[in-house]
PDB file of N, CA and C in Angstrom:
ATOM      1  N   MET A   1       0.833  -1.077  -0.017  1.00  0.00           N
ATOM      2  CA  MET A   1      -0.146  -0.319  -0.096  1.00  0.00           C
ATOM      3  C   MET A   1       1.180   1.252   0.041  1.00  0.00           C
ATOM      4  N   SER A   2       0.668   1.956  -1.081  1.00  0.00           N
ATOM      5  CA  SER A   2       1.412   3.557  -0.594  1.00  0.00           C
ATOM      6  C   SER A   2       1.220   4.624  -0.040  1.00  0.00           C
ATOM      7  N   ARG A   3       1.761   5.278   0.206  1.00  0.00           N
ATOM      8  CA  ARG A   3       1.439   6.167   0.979  1.00  0.00           C
ATOM      9  C   ARG A   3      -0.004   7.380   0.228  1.00  0.00           C
ATOM     10  N   ARG A   4       0.172   7.541  -0.921  1.00  0.00           N
ATOM     11  CA  ARG A   4      -1.092   8.040  -1.367  1.00  0.00           C
ATOM     12  C   ARG A   4      -2.405   7.225  -0.912  1.00  0.00           C
ATOM     13  N   ASN A   5      -2.222   5.895  -1.348  1.00  0.00           N
ATOM     14  CA  ASN A   5      -3.611   5.211  -1.018  1.00  0.00           C
ATOM     15  C   ASN A   5      -4.077   5.334   0.506  1.00  0.00           C
ATOM     16  N   PHE A   6      -2.930   5.230   1.387  1.00  0.00           N
ATOM     17  CA  PHE A   6      -3.353   5.243   2.901  1.00  0.00           C
ATOM     18  C   PHE A   6      -4.020   6.482   2.831  1.00  0.00           C
ATOM     19  N   LEU A   7      -3.481   7.435   2.390  1.00  0.00           N
ATOM     20  CA  LEU A   7      -3.976   9.116   2.756  1.00  0.00           C
ATOM     21  C   LEU A   7      -5.203   8.988   2.664  1.00  0.00           C
ATOM     22  N   GLY A   8      -5.507   8.498   1.540  1.00  0.00           N
ATOM     23  CA  GLY A   8      -6.926   8.857   0.670  1.00  0.00           C
ATOM     24  C   GLY A   8      -8.046   7.838   1.352  1.00  0.00           C
ATOM     25  N   MET A   9      -7.710   6.965   2.105  1.00  0.00           N
ATOM     26  CA  MET A   9      -8.375   5.786   2.973  1.00  0.00           C
ATOM     27  C   MET A   9      -8.648   6.601   4.037  1.00  0.00           C
ATOM     28  N   VAL A  10      -7.614   6.735   4.708  1.00  0.00           N
ATOM     29  CA  VAL A  10      -8.057   7.999   6.068  1.00  0.00           C
ATOM     30  C   VAL A  10      -9.273   9.031   5.830  1.00  0.00           C
ATOM     31  N   GLY A  11      -8.857  10.103   4.044  1.00  0.00           N
ATOM     32  CA  GLY A  11      -9.613  10.762   3.847  1.00  0.00           C
ATOM     33  C   GLY A  11     -11.238  10.463   4.023  1.00  0.00           C
ATOM     34  N   MET A  12     -11.193   9.317   2.954  1.00  0.00           N
ATOM     35  CA  MET A  12     -12.736   8.584   2.951  1.00  0.00           C
ATOM     36  C   MET A  12     -13.183   8.485   4.275  1.00  0.00           C
ATOM     37  N   VAL A  13     -12.862   7.682   5.177  1.00  0.00           N
ATOM     38  CA  VAL A  13     -13.352   7.185   6.705  1.00  0.00           C
ATOM     39  C   VAL A  13     -13.303   8.459   7.850  1.00  0.00           C
ATOM     40  N   GLY A  14     -12.076   9.285   7.390  1.00  0.00           N
ATOM     41  CA  GLY A  14     -12.216  10.402   8.751  1.00  0.00           C
ATOM     42  C   GLY A  14     -12.444  11.866   7.950  1.00  0.00           C
ATOM     43  N   GLY A  15     -12.505  12.251   6.721  1.00  0.00           N
ATOM     44  CA  GLY A  15     -12.689  13.418   5.947  1.00  0.00           C
ATOM     45  C   GLY A  15     -11.140  14.146   5.880  1.00  0.00           C
ATOM     46  N   ALA A  16     -11.246  15.077   5.498  1.00  0.00           N
ATOM     47  CA  ALA A  16     -10.574  16.196   5.061  1.00  0.00           C
ATOM     48  C   ALA A  16      -9.618  16.510   6.114  1.00  0.00           C
ATOM     49  N   ALA A  17     -10.122  16.631   7.664  1.00  0.00           N
ATOM     50  CA  ALA A  17      -9.425  17.003   8.788  1.00  0.00           C
ATOM     51  C   ALA A  17      -8.583  16.213   9.057  1.00  0.00           C
ATOM     52  N   ALA A  18      -8.906  14.448   9.106  1.00  0.00           N
ATOM     53  CA  ALA A  18      -8.668  13.562   9.785  1.00  0.00           C
ATOM     54  C   ALA A  18      -7.058  13.160   8.968  1.00  0.00           C
ATOM     55  N   ALA A  19      -7.473  13.557   7.420  1.00  0.00           N
ATOM     56  CA  ALA A  19      -6.054  13.225   6.191  1.00  0.00           C
ATOM     57  C   ALA A  19      -5.175  14.234   6.527  1.00  0.00           C
ATOM     58  N   TYR A  20      -5.535  15.643   6.576  1.00  0.00           N
ATOM     59  CA  TYR A  20      -4.709  16.427   6.915  1.00  0.00           C
ATOM     60  C   TYR A  20      -3.784  16.169   8.345  1.00  0.00           C
ATOM     61  N   GLN A  21      -4.411  15.666   9.586  1.00  0.00           N
ATOM     62  CA  GLN A  21      -3.817  15.442  10.703  1.00  0.00           C
ATOM     63  C   GLN A  21      -2.825  14.240  10.463  1.00  0.00           C
ATOM     64  N   MET A  22      -3.383  13.535   9.539  1.00  0.00           N
ATOM     65  CA  MET A  22      -2.414  12.068   9.374  1.00  0.00           C
ATOM     66  C   MET A  22      -1.024  12.892   9.148  1.00  0.00           C
ATOM     67  N   MET A  23      -1.673  13.603   7.873  1.00  0.00           N
ATOM     68  CA  MET A  23      -0.421  14.136   7.053  1.00  0.00           C
ATOM     69  C   MET A  23       0.467  15.307   7.930  1.00  0.00           C
ATOM     70  N   ASN A  24       0.207  15.670   8.814  1.00  0.00           N
ATOM     71  CA  ASN A  24       0.413  16.350   9.609  1.00  0.00           C
ATOM     72  C   ASN A  24       1.575  15.565  10.734  1.00  0.00           C
ATOM     73  N   THR A  25       1.119  14.501  11.211  1.00  0.00           N
ATOM     74  CA  THR A  25       1.710  13.444  12.270  1.00  0.00           C
ATOM     75  C   THR A  25       2.827  12.930  10.751  1.00  0.00           C
ATOM     76  N   MET A  26       3.145  12.537   9.643  1.00  0.00           N
ATOM     77  CA  MET A  26       3.583  11.770   9.033  1.00  0.00           C
ATOM     78  C   MET A  26       4.788  12.734   8.777  1.00  0.00           C
ATOM     79  N   GLY A  27       4.623  13.990   8.847  1.00  0.00           N
ATOM     80  CA  GLY A  27       5.748  15.224   8.925  1.00  0.00           C
ATOM     81  C   GLY A  27       5.335  15.466   6.852  1.00  0.00           C
ATOM     82  N   LEU A  28       4.454  15.526   6.377  1.00  0.00           N
ATOM     83  CA  LEU A  28       4.331  15.742   4.988  1.00  0.00           C
ATOM     84  C   LEU A  28       3.942  16.796   4.847  1.00  0.00           C
ATOM     85  N   ALA A  29       2.689  17.877   5.730  1.00  0.00           N
ATOM     86  CA  ALA A  29       1.977  18.769   5.384  1.00  0.00           C
ATOM     87  C   ALA A  29       3.371  19.708   6.080  1.00  0.00           C
ATOM     88  N   ALA A  30       2.896  20.959   4.946  1.00  0.00           N
ATOM     89  CA  ALA A  30       3.582  22.114   5.059  1.00  0.00           C
ATOM     90  C   ALA A  30       3.426  23.011   6.570  1.00  0.00           C
ATOM     91  N   SER A  31       3.673  23.399   7.287  1.00  0.00           N
ATOM     92  CA  SER A  31       3.414  23.781   8.332  1.00  0.00           C
ATOM     93  C   SER A  31       3.038  25.538   8.275  1.00  0.00           C
ATOM     94  N   SER A  32       1.780  26.090   9.006  1.00  0.00           N
ATOM     95  CA  SER A  32       1.322  27.542   8.558  1.00  0.00           C
ATOM     96  C   SER A  32       2.133  28.705   8.529  1.00  0.00           C
ATOM     97  N   THR A  33       2.684  29.289   7.782  1.00  0.00           N
ATOM     98  CA  THR A  33       3.035  30.589   7.835  1.00  0.00           C
ATOM     99  C   THR A  33       2.644  31.915   8.545  1.00  0.00           C
ATOM    100  N   TYR A  34       1.355  31.654   8.646  1.00  0.00           N
ATOM    101  CA  TYR A  34       0.455  32.694   8.823  1.00  0.00           C
ATOM    102  C   TYR A  34       0.913  33.665  10.257  1.00  0.00           C
ATOM    103  N   THR A  35       0.977  34.763   9.950  1.00  0.00           N
ATOM    104  CA  THR A  35       1.246  35.785  11.197  1.00  0.00           C
ATOM    105  C   THR A  35       0.258  36.643  11.357  1.00  0.00           C
ATOM    106  N   LYS A  36      -0.172  37.155  12.213  1.00  0.00           N
ATOM    107  CA  LYS A  36      -0.653  38.420  12.260  1.00  0.00           C
ATOM    108  C   LYS A  36      -0.467  39.603  12.058  1.00  0.00           C
ATOM    109  N   PRO A  37      -1.015  40.535  11.217  1.00  0.00           N
ATOM    110  CA  PRO A  37      -0.286  41.764  10.665  1.00  0.00           C
ATOM    111  C   PRO A  37      -0.160  42.895  11.750  1.00  0.00           C
ATOM    112  N   GLN A  38       0.619  43.182  12.015  1.00  0.00           N
ATOM    113  CA  GLN A  38       1.136  44.361  12.857  1.00  0.00           C
ATOM    114  C   GLN A  38       0.421  46.048  12.203  1.00  0.00           C
ATOM    115  N   LEU A  39      -0.505  46.229  13.275  1.00  0.00           N
ATOM    116  CA  LEU A  39      -1.456  47.144  13.005  1.00  0.00           C
ATOM    117  C   LEU A  39      -1.101  48.467  13.608  1.00  0.00           C
ATOM    118  N   THR A  40      -0.310  49.181  12.950  1.00  0.00           N
ATOM    119  CA  THR A  40      -0.169  50.469  14.079  1.00  0.00           C
ATOM    120  C   THR A  40      -0.397  51.707  13.443  1.00  0.00           C
ATOM    121  N   GLY A  41      -0.805  52.591  13.782  1.00  0.00           N
ATOM    122  CA  GLY A  41      -0.807  53.894  13.250  1.00  0.00           C
ATOM    123  C   GLY A  41      -2.576  54.074  13.305  1.00  0.00           C
ATOM    124  N   GLY A  42      -3.121  55.395  13.471  1.00  0.00           N
ATOM    125  CA  GLY A  42      -4.615  55.225  13.867  1.00  0.00           C
ATOM    126  C   GLY A  42      -5.404  55.833  12.540  1.00  0.00           C
ATOM    127  N   GLY A  43      -4.713  55.974  10.913  1.00  0.00           N
ATOM    128  CA  GLY A  43      -5.197  55.790  10.014  1.00  0.00           C
ATOM    129  C   GLY A  43      -6.257  56.926   9.454  1.00  0.00           C
ATOM    130  N   LYS A  44      -6.070  58.124  10.411  1.00  0.00           N
ATOM    131  CA  LYS A  44      -6.022  59.265   9.946  1.00  0.00           C
ATOM    132  C   LYS A  44      -6.138  60.079   8.677  1.00  0.00           C
ATOM    133  N   GLY A  45      -7.429  60.639   8.138  1.00  0.00           N
ATOM    134  CA  GLY A  45      -6.949  60.856   6.715  1.00  0.00           C
ATOM    135  C   GLY A  45      -7.164  60.047   6.035  1.00  0.00           C
ATOM    136  N   LYS A  46      -7.461  58.785   6.188  1.00  0.00           N
ATOM    137  CA  LYS A  46      -7.425  57.479   4.803  1.00  0.00           C
ATOM    138  C   LYS A  46      -8.892  57.481   4.445  1.00  0.00           C
ATOM    139  N   SER A  47      -9.319  56.951   3.150  1.00  0.00           N
ATOM    140  CA  SER A  47     -10.469  56.569   2.889  1.00  0.00           C
ATOM    141  C   SER A  47     -10.545  55.329   2.729  1.00  0.00           C
ATOM    142  N   VAL A  48     -11.919  54.460   2.679  1.00  0.00           N
ATOM    143  CA  VAL A  48     -11.643  53.075   2.518  1.00  0.00           C
ATOM    144  C   VAL A  48     -13.345  53.184   1.636  1.00  0.00           C
ATOM    145  N   LEU A  49     -13.205  52.256   0.573  1.00  0.00           N
ATOM    146  CA  LEU A  49     -14.535  52.648  -0.607  1.00  0.00           C
ATOM    147  C   LEU A  49     -14.421  50.590  -0.551  1.00  0.00           C
ATOM    148  N   ILE A  50     -15.688  50.109   0.174  1.00  0.00           N
ATOM    149  CA  ILE A  50     -16.450  48.737  -0.082  1.00  0.00           C
ATOM    150  C   ILE A  50     -16.640  48.138  -1.304  1.00  0.00           C
ATOM    151  N   LEU A  51     -16.648  47.488  -2.406  1.00  0.00           N
ATOM    152  CA  LEU A  51     -16.590  46.938  -3.708  1.00  0.00           C
ATOM    153  C   LEU A  51     -17.543  45.578  -3.515  1.00  0.00           C
ATOM    154  N   GLY A  52     -18.554  45.564  -3.420  1.00  0.00           N
ATOM    155  CA  GLY A  52     -19.290  44.626  -3.963  1.00  0.00           C
ATOM    156  C   GLY A  52     -19.585  43.318  -2.221  1.00  0.00           C
ATOM    157  N   GLY A  53     -19.951  44.392  -1.151  1.00  0.00           N
ATOM    158  CA  GLY A  53     -20.312  43.787   0.032  1.00  0.00           C
ATOM    159  C   GLY A  53     -21.703  43.230   0.232  1.00  0.00           C
ATOM    160  N   ALA A  54     -21.744  42.401   0.899  1.00  0.00           N
ATOM    161  CA  ALA A  54     -22.904  41.805   0.942  1.00  0.00           C
ATOM    162  C   ALA A  54     -23.791  42.081   2.393  1.00  0.00           C
TER     163      ALA A  54
END
């Protein structure tokens, strides 16, 4: 059984979250590089236009 088949079966049984967790456990998933942006300044004198808001 290949890794791909194994992960496919895990995904079928447990869903995408289970397959992703298994990939993390096996060291195959990339770690998140998301960091919170640094929000500084007051924004005075700035204008914002929102297009397509629902």
